[in-house]
Amino acid sequence: MAAAGKSAASGEGTTPGKPQRGAIPDIDDLATRILNGERRALARAITLVESGRADHRAATTQLLDRLAQAQRHALRVGLSGTPGVGKSTFIENFGMMLIEAGLKVAVLAVDPSSTRSGGSILGDKTRMEHLSREKNAFIRPSPSQTHLGGVGRRSREAVALCEAAGFDVVLIETVGVGQSETVVSEMSDLFLLLLAPAGGDELQGVKRGIMEMADIILVNKADGDLKPAATRTCADYAGALRLLRKRPQDPDGFPKALMVSALAQDGLEVAWAEMQALATWRQENGHWQNRRADQARYWFGEEVRQALLARLDSPWAQKRMGDLADEVAQGQASPAAAAQDFLKGLGAG
C-alpha cells in the first residue's frame, strides 16, 4: 500500500516574526501554513496542543476542526520495545529508507519526564542525527508529563497535525514496554513490537497482552554473533503467536515475527512490505475504517473523562472537597454520602 495523503506542497515557505511567548496565533493563518507543509508552523501547533491553558485548549480545538476539513490521512505506526533494543537506530534507518522511497516521515517520540520539573530526560533529535536533518522528516520529542504509560496526553492530536501537514507515515514511539501500548494502540493503524535476541526464558517476560496487541514483532540486532540467537528468538515468538487466537482484523499469517538489523539496515524493506500488505488488506476488508471509528469513540470518552477531571481543579471543587473530607474524617458523613453530595454540586462549580 502506498501511504495515503501526500501533501501538495512540502516547502516551508516564509515565516512571520517570532510570536510573543504564550500568545494565541491566528488560527486560520496557522492552519494554512500547516497545510502547506511548514515544519515551523507544525512545531508551533504541537506546542499549542501540549499546553494545558484553557485558552490554548480552545484554540487547539478550533485548529483541529479547521484542519480536519482537509481529509488528509497517513499510515500511523506505533512502535515500542524494551530499553536498549535499538528503537532509535531502527527509527532513523527505517525513516531514511522511507524518505529515499519518496515518502515524508514524522516521528513523535515520547520521552520520560522529570516528576519535578516536567522536563524531558532524553533528546531523540540527538539520537537520530541523520533523520533530523532531512527536509522530509519531522522529529518531535515530547515529555510524557507523568501521563500513565508514558504516552503524552496530546500525542493523538499531534498525530492529526502531522497528517494535515502532509506526512505519509507517522511513527509513534513509546517510552518502553508497559501500559503505554494500550494507549498507543488507540492512535495507530499498525503496532510494532521491537525485541532483542535473548534466551528462551526471556519469552516468559513478555506479557501476553502486548503479544496480542502486536501486529508485527521485529527481532532486532540480527547480525554478527547475535544472528543465531536472533533466529532462535524469532522462531520462539513465531510459535507463540501461532498459539494466540486468530484476530478478525488479520489475514492469514498475521501477526508475524521477523528478523531485522537496524544497524546493518537488513530486513527493513521486508518489514515495510509486510506493513503495507497488512494495511492494504485491512483497508480492502473494512477493518481499517472500523478501527479508526472505534478509536474516535475511545478518544471521545477520554476527552469527557479528562474534562471532568479538570473540573476537580476549580477553586470551588477544591474547597468543597476539603470541607467534605473534614466531615468524613470527623464521622459526620460517610465517604459515599459525601461523594454523592459533592457530585450533585459539581455542576455549580
Protein backbone atom coordinates (compact mmCIF):
# COMPACT_ATOMS: atom_id res chain seq x y z
CA MET A 1 0.00 0.00 0.00
CA ALA A 2 1.37 3.38 -0.88
CA ALA A 3 0.98 5.54 2.22
CA ALA A 4 -2.00 7.80 1.85
CA GLY A 5 -2.34 11.54 1.93
CA LYS A 6 0.71 13.05 0.28
CA SER A 7 0.83 16.83 0.63
CA ALA A 8 0.60 19.01 -2.44
CA ALA A 9 3.21 21.33 -1.00
CA SER A 10 6.20 20.38 1.08
CA GLY A 11 8.16 23.61 1.18
CA GLU A 12 8.43 25.51 4.43
CA GLY A 13 7.66 28.90 2.89
CA THR A 14 8.10 32.14 4.77
CA THR A 15 7.51 32.51 8.48
CA PRO A 16 6.31 35.63 10.28
CA GLY A 17 8.29 37.14 13.12
CA LYS A 18 8.72 35.25 16.34
CA PRO A 19 5.39 35.29 18.24
CA GLN A 20 5.08 36.58 21.75
CA ARG A 21 5.54 33.77 24.27
CA GLY A 22 2.19 32.25 25.24
CA ALA A 23 0.27 34.26 22.64
CA ILE A 24 -2.50 32.54 20.70
CA PRO A 25 -1.67 32.53 16.97
CA ASP A 26 -4.04 33.39 14.17
CA ILE A 27 -5.72 30.01 13.70
CA ASP A 28 -6.59 30.41 10.00
CA ASP A 29 -3.04 31.52 9.19
CA LEU A 30 -1.52 28.69 11.24
CA ALA A 31 -3.79 26.13 9.59
CA THR A 32 -2.87 27.38 6.11
CA ARG A 33 0.84 27.16 6.89
CA ILE A 34 0.47 23.63 8.28
CA LEU A 35 -1.42 22.53 5.17
CA ASN A 36 1.44 23.99 3.12
CA GLY A 37 3.84 21.70 4.97
CA GLU A 38 5.70 24.33 7.01
CA ARG A 39 7.55 22.46 9.73
CA ARG A 40 7.95 25.52 11.92
CA ALA A 41 4.20 26.04 11.90
CA LEU A 42 3.71 22.36 12.72
CA ALA A 43 6.10 22.61 15.66
CA ARG A 44 4.28 25.67 16.98
CA ALA A 45 0.91 23.92 16.64
CA ILE A 46 2.15 20.92 18.63
CA THR A 47 3.37 23.27 21.35
CA LEU A 48 -0.11 24.77 21.41
CA VAL A 49 -1.64 21.29 21.61
CA GLU A 50 0.57 20.34 24.56
CA SER A 51 -0.40 23.41 26.57
CA GLY A 52 -2.77 22.98 29.48
CA ARG A 53 -4.09 26.56 29.40
CA ALA A 54 -7.83 26.82 28.85
CA ASP A 55 -7.50 29.42 26.08
CA HIS A 56 -4.88 27.28 24.34
CA ARG A 57 -7.16 24.24 24.54
CA ALA A 58 -9.97 26.24 22.92
CA ALA A 59 -7.60 27.39 20.16
CA THR A 60 -6.42 23.80 19.67
CA THR A 61 -9.98 22.58 19.18
CA GLN A 62 -10.59 25.30 16.58
CA LEU A 63 -7.34 24.45 14.77
CA LEU A 64 -8.02 20.72 14.65
CA ASP A 65 -11.54 21.27 13.36
CA ARG A 66 -10.16 23.55 10.65
CA LEU A 67 -7.51 21.03 9.60
CA ALA A 68 -9.91 18.06 9.64
CA GLN A 69 -11.66 19.56 6.62
CA ALA A 70 -8.59 18.73 4.51
CA GLN A 71 -9.26 14.99 4.98
CA ARG A 72 -5.56 14.03 4.91
CA HIS A 73 -4.51 10.66 6.27
CA ALA A 74 -1.22 8.96 6.99
CA LEU A 75 -0.15 5.48 7.98
CA ARG A 76 0.13 5.64 11.76
CA VAL A 77 2.66 3.16 13.13
CA GLY A 78 3.03 2.61 16.87
CA LEU A 79 6.41 1.30 17.98
CA SER A 80 7.55 0.02 21.35
CA GLY A 81 10.28 -2.14 22.78
CA THR A 82 12.40 -2.77 25.81
CA PRO A 83 15.12 -0.22 26.68
CA GLY A 84 18.32 -0.81 24.74
CA VAL A 85 16.64 -2.76 21.96
CA GLY A 86 17.66 -0.15 19.38
CA LYS A 87 14.42 1.75 18.76
CA SER A 88 16.17 4.99 17.83
CA THR A 89 18.53 3.25 15.40
CA PHE A 90 15.60 1.40 13.87
CA ILE A 91 13.50 4.56 13.51
CA GLU A 92 16.36 6.54 11.96
CA ASN A 93 17.34 3.94 9.37
CA PHE A 94 13.75 2.89 8.69
CA GLY A 95 12.77 6.54 8.29
CA MET A 96 15.68 7.22 5.95
CA MET A 97 14.63 4.24 3.82
CA LEU A 98 11.08 5.61 3.54
CA ILE A 99 12.35 9.07 2.61
CA GLU A 100 14.54 7.59 -0.11
CA ALA A 101 11.36 5.95 -1.42
CA GLY A 102 9.78 9.39 -1.76
CA LEU A 103 7.72 9.47 1.45
CA LYS A 104 7.53 12.08 4.21
CA VAL A 105 8.05 10.76 7.73
CA ALA A 106 7.10 12.23 11.10
CA VAL A 107 8.37 10.79 14.38
CA LEU A 108 6.60 11.52 17.65
CA ALA A 109 8.84 10.20 20.40
CA VAL A 110 7.62 10.49 23.97
CA ASP A 111 10.48 10.81 26.44
CA PRO A 112 10.36 10.10 30.18
CA SER A 113 9.57 13.24 32.15
CA SER A 114 11.02 14.56 35.34
CA THR A 115 8.36 14.36 38.05
CA ARG A 116 9.70 17.62 39.50
CA SER A 117 10.29 19.89 36.52
CA GLY A 118 8.36 18.03 33.82
CA GLY A 119 11.43 18.28 31.60
CA SER A 120 12.38 15.61 29.10
CA ILE A 121 15.34 13.41 30.07
CA LEU A 122 16.33 12.25 26.59
CA GLY A 123 16.55 14.01 23.25
CA ASP A 124 15.60 11.98 20.20
CA LYS A 125 16.95 14.58 17.80
CA THR A 126 20.44 13.89 19.15
CA ARG A 127 19.88 10.13 18.74
CA MET A 128 18.57 10.44 15.18
CA GLU A 129 21.18 12.80 13.78
CA HIS A 130 20.78 11.97 10.08
CA LEU A 131 16.99 11.75 10.04
CA SER A 132 16.60 15.04 11.90
CA ARG A 133 18.45 16.86 9.10
CA GLU A 134 16.14 15.59 6.35
CA LYS A 135 13.71 18.17 4.95
CA ASN A 136 11.07 15.45 4.51
CA ALA A 137 11.35 14.32 8.12
CA PHE A 138 9.95 15.83 11.30
CA ILE A 139 11.01 14.65 14.76
CA ARG A 140 9.24 15.84 17.86
CA PRO A 141 10.43 14.57 21.24
CA SER A 142 7.82 15.38 23.88
CA PRO A 143 7.89 14.84 27.64
CA SER A 144 5.31 12.35 28.85
CA GLN A 145 4.33 14.79 31.61
CA THR A 146 3.87 11.84 34.01
CA HIS A 147 0.90 10.61 31.98
CA LEU A 148 0.10 6.94 32.61
CA GLY A 149 2.10 4.70 30.33
CA GLY A 150 4.43 7.42 29.10
CA VAL A 151 2.37 8.46 26.10
CA GLY A 152 1.81 12.21 26.00
CA ARG A 153 -1.82 13.08 26.63
CA ARG A 154 -1.96 15.08 23.41
CA SER A 155 0.01 12.68 21.22
CA ARG A 156 -3.13 11.78 19.29
CA GLU A 157 -3.71 15.43 18.38
CA ALA A 158 -0.06 15.77 17.35
CA VAL A 159 -0.59 12.81 15.00
CA ALA A 160 -3.55 14.63 13.43
CA LEU A 161 -1.39 17.73 12.94
CA CYS A 162 1.31 15.69 11.20
CA GLU A 163 -1.27 14.15 8.89
CA ALA A 164 -2.59 17.59 8.00
CA ALA A 165 0.97 18.74 7.24
CA GLY A 166 1.19 16.08 4.53
CA PHE A 167 3.33 13.41 6.18
CA ASP A 168 2.78 9.95 4.74
CA VAL A 169 3.97 7.88 7.71
CA VAL A 170 3.76 8.87 11.37
CA LEU A 171 5.87 6.79 13.76
CA ILE A 172 4.76 6.96 17.41
CA GLU A 173 7.47 5.72 19.76
CA THR A 174 6.58 4.89 23.35
CA VAL A 175 8.88 5.01 26.36
CA GLY A 176 9.03 1.25 26.80
CA VAL A 177 7.11 -1.96 27.25
CA GLY A 178 4.20 -1.44 29.64
CA GLN A 179 0.75 0.12 29.84
CA SER A 180 1.66 2.66 27.15
CA GLU A 181 0.98 0.03 24.50
CA THR A 182 -2.74 0.15 25.29
CA VAL A 183 -2.77 3.90 24.71
CA VAL A 184 -0.63 3.92 21.58
CA SER A 185 -2.70 1.14 20.03
CA GLU A 186 -5.68 3.51 20.21
CA MET A 187 -3.95 6.06 17.99
CA SER A 188 -2.13 3.86 15.47
CA ASP A 189 -3.06 1.71 12.49
CA LEU A 190 -0.25 -0.79 12.98
CA PHE A 191 1.59 -1.71 16.17
CA LEU A 192 5.18 -2.95 16.07
CA LEU A 193 6.98 -4.58 18.99
CA LEU A 194 10.78 -4.40 18.75
CA LEU A 195 12.71 -7.04 20.72
CA ALA A 196 16.33 -8.08 21.08
CA PRO A 197 17.75 -11.59 20.75
CA ALA A 198 17.53 -13.41 24.07
CA GLY A 199 17.41 -16.82 25.71
CA GLY A 200 14.30 -18.97 25.79
CA ASP A 201 13.36 -17.84 29.31
CA GLU A 202 13.08 -14.28 28.04
CA LEU A 203 9.88 -15.19 26.22
CA GLN A 204 8.19 -15.63 29.59
CA GLY A 205 8.89 -11.98 30.40
CA VAL A 206 6.80 -10.61 27.53
CA LYS A 207 3.25 -10.08 28.68
CA ARG A 208 0.50 -11.85 26.78
CA GLY A 209 -1.42 -8.59 26.40
CA ILE A 210 1.43 -6.96 24.50
CA MET A 211 1.77 -10.01 22.26
CA GLU A 212 -1.95 -9.83 21.48
CA MET A 213 -1.70 -6.16 20.52
CA ALA A 214 1.36 -6.52 18.28
CA ASP A 215 0.75 -6.76 14.53
CA ILE A 216 4.40 -7.48 13.76
CA ILE A 217 7.19 -8.46 16.14
CA LEU A 218 10.63 -7.39 14.94
CA VAL A 219 13.63 -9.14 16.46
CA ASN A 220 16.38 -6.54 16.10
CA LYS A 221 20.18 -6.89 16.16
CA ALA A 222 20.05 -9.93 13.86
CA ASP A 223 23.64 -9.51 12.74
CA GLY A 224 27.13 -10.76 13.57
CA ASP A 225 27.44 -13.04 16.60
CA LEU A 226 23.85 -12.33 17.61
CA LYS A 227 22.28 -13.63 14.40
CA PRO A 228 21.94 -17.27 15.59
CA ALA A 229 20.30 -16.09 18.81
CA ALA A 230 18.03 -13.78 16.80
CA THR A 231 16.98 -16.71 14.58
CA ARG A 232 16.04 -18.80 17.61
CA THR A 233 14.24 -15.89 19.26
CA CYS A 234 12.25 -15.15 16.10
CA ALA A 235 11.22 -18.80 15.87
CA ASP A 236 10.15 -18.77 19.54
CA TYR A 237 7.94 -15.72 19.06
CA ALA A 238 6.52 -17.05 15.80
CA GLY A 239 5.50 -20.20 17.66
CA ALA A 240 3.98 -18.16 20.49
CA LEU A 241 1.97 -16.06 18.03
CA ARG A 242 0.51 -19.20 16.45
CA LEU A 243 -0.93 -20.15 19.85
CA LEU A 244 -2.90 -16.92 20.10
CA ARG A 245 -6.49 -16.73 18.92
CA LYS A 246 -6.78 -15.51 15.33
CA ARG A 247 -7.99 -11.91 15.15
CA PRO A 248 -10.69 -10.93 12.64
CA GLN A 249 -8.65 -7.90 11.53
CA ASP A 250 -5.74 -10.07 10.36
CA PRO A 251 -5.20 -12.02 7.12
CA ASP A 252 -3.56 -15.44 7.19
CA GLY A 253 -0.02 -15.30 8.51
CA PHE A 254 -0.54 -12.30 10.83
CA PRO A 255 0.54 -11.35 13.37
CA LYS A 256 4.05 -12.46 12.50
CA ALA A 257 7.64 -12.27 13.75
CA LEU A 258 10.51 -11.05 11.54
CA MET A 259 14.24 -10.54 11.95
CA VAL A 260 15.85 -7.17 11.24
CA SER A 261 19.17 -5.47 11.80
CA ALA A 262 18.61 -1.74 12.12
CA LEU A 263 22.35 -1.12 12.35
CA ALA A 264 23.15 -3.13 9.19
CA GLN A 265 19.90 -1.92 7.56
CA ASP A 266 19.00 -5.52 6.84
CA GLY A 267 15.39 -6.67 6.71
CA LEU A 268 13.90 -3.17 6.79
CA GLU A 269 12.47 -3.40 3.26
CA VAL A 270 10.87 -6.76 4.05
CA ALA A 271 9.34 -5.33 7.23
CA TRP A 272 7.95 -2.35 5.31
CA ALA A 273 6.48 -4.63 2.63
CA GLU A 274 4.71 -6.65 5.34
CA MET A 275 3.33 -3.46 6.92
CA GLN A 276 1.99 -2.32 3.56
CA ALA A 277 0.44 -5.72 2.86
CA LEU A 278 -1.33 -5.78 6.22
CA ALA A 279 -2.54 -2.18 5.90
CA THR A 280 -3.85 -2.79 2.38
CA TRP A 281 -5.71 -5.95 3.40
CA ARG A 282 -7.37 -4.17 6.30
CA GLN A 283 -8.43 -1.29 4.08
CA GLU A 284 -9.88 -3.57 1.43
CA ASN A 285 -11.82 -5.60 4.02
CA GLY A 286 -13.25 -2.69 6.02
CA HIS A 287 -11.22 -3.30 9.18
CA TRP A 288 -9.23 -0.09 8.72
CA GLN A 289 -12.30 2.13 8.73
CA ASN A 290 -13.90 0.25 11.64
CA ARG A 291 -10.72 0.59 13.69
CA ARG A 292 -10.50 4.32 13.06
CA ALA A 293 -14.16 4.67 14.10
CA ASP A 294 -13.54 2.71 17.31
CA GLN A 295 -10.53 4.89 18.07
CA ALA A 296 -12.63 8.03 17.60
CA ARG A 297 -15.16 6.69 20.11
CA TYR A 298 -12.35 5.86 22.56
CA TRP A 299 -10.85 9.35 22.40
CA PHE A 300 -14.27 10.97 22.75
CA GLY A 301 -14.67 9.11 26.03
CA GLU A 302 -11.16 10.11 27.09
CA GLU A 303 -11.87 13.78 26.37
CA VAL A 304 -15.02 13.63 28.51
CA ARG A 305 -13.13 11.97 31.36
CA GLN A 306 -10.26 14.46 31.16
CA ALA A 307 -12.69 17.40 31.11
CA LEU A 308 -14.44 16.08 34.22
CA LEU A 309 -11.12 15.59 36.00
CA ALA A 310 -10.09 19.14 35.07
CA ARG A 311 -13.20 20.48 36.82
CA LEU A 312 -11.91 18.99 40.06
CA ASP A 313 -9.11 21.57 39.98
CA SER A 314 -11.50 24.54 40.14
CA PRO A 315 -11.36 26.65 43.34
CA TRP A 316 -14.94 25.70 44.23
CA ALA A 317 -14.25 21.98 43.82
CA GLN A 318 -11.03 22.12 45.84
CA LYS A 319 -12.71 23.96 48.74
CA ARG A 320 -15.81 21.77 48.70
CA MET A 321 -13.76 18.58 48.66
CA GLY A 322 -11.71 19.86 51.60
CA ASP A 323 -14.84 20.67 53.62
CA LEU A 324 -16.44 17.31 52.89
CA ALA A 325 -13.20 15.47 53.64
CA ASP A 326 -13.17 17.09 57.09
CA GLU A 327 -16.75 15.97 57.67
CA VAL A 328 -15.84 12.42 56.69
CA ALA A 329 -12.78 12.45 58.95
CA GLN A 330 -14.89 13.64 61.88
CA GLY A 331 -17.50 10.94 61.29
CA GLN A 332 -20.22 13.44 60.34
CA ALA A 333 -20.75 11.80 56.93
CA SER A 334 -19.87 8.55 55.24
CA PRO A 335 -17.44 8.65 52.31
CA ALA A 336 -20.19 7.51 49.91
CA ALA A 337 -22.70 10.13 51.12
CA ALA A 338 -20.08 12.90 50.98
CA ALA A 339 -19.09 11.88 47.47
CA GLN A 340 -22.70 11.99 46.31
CA ASP A 341 -23.08 15.43 47.91
CA PHE A 342 -20.01 16.66 46.07
CA LEU A 343 -21.09 15.28 42.70
CA LYS A 344 -24.51 16.87 42.99
CA GLY A 345 -22.93 20.27 43.44
CA LEU A 346 -20.15 19.85 40.90
CA GLY A 347 -22.21 21.50 38.19
CA ALA A 348 -22.38 24.66 40.29
CA GLY A 349 -18.60 24.98 40.30
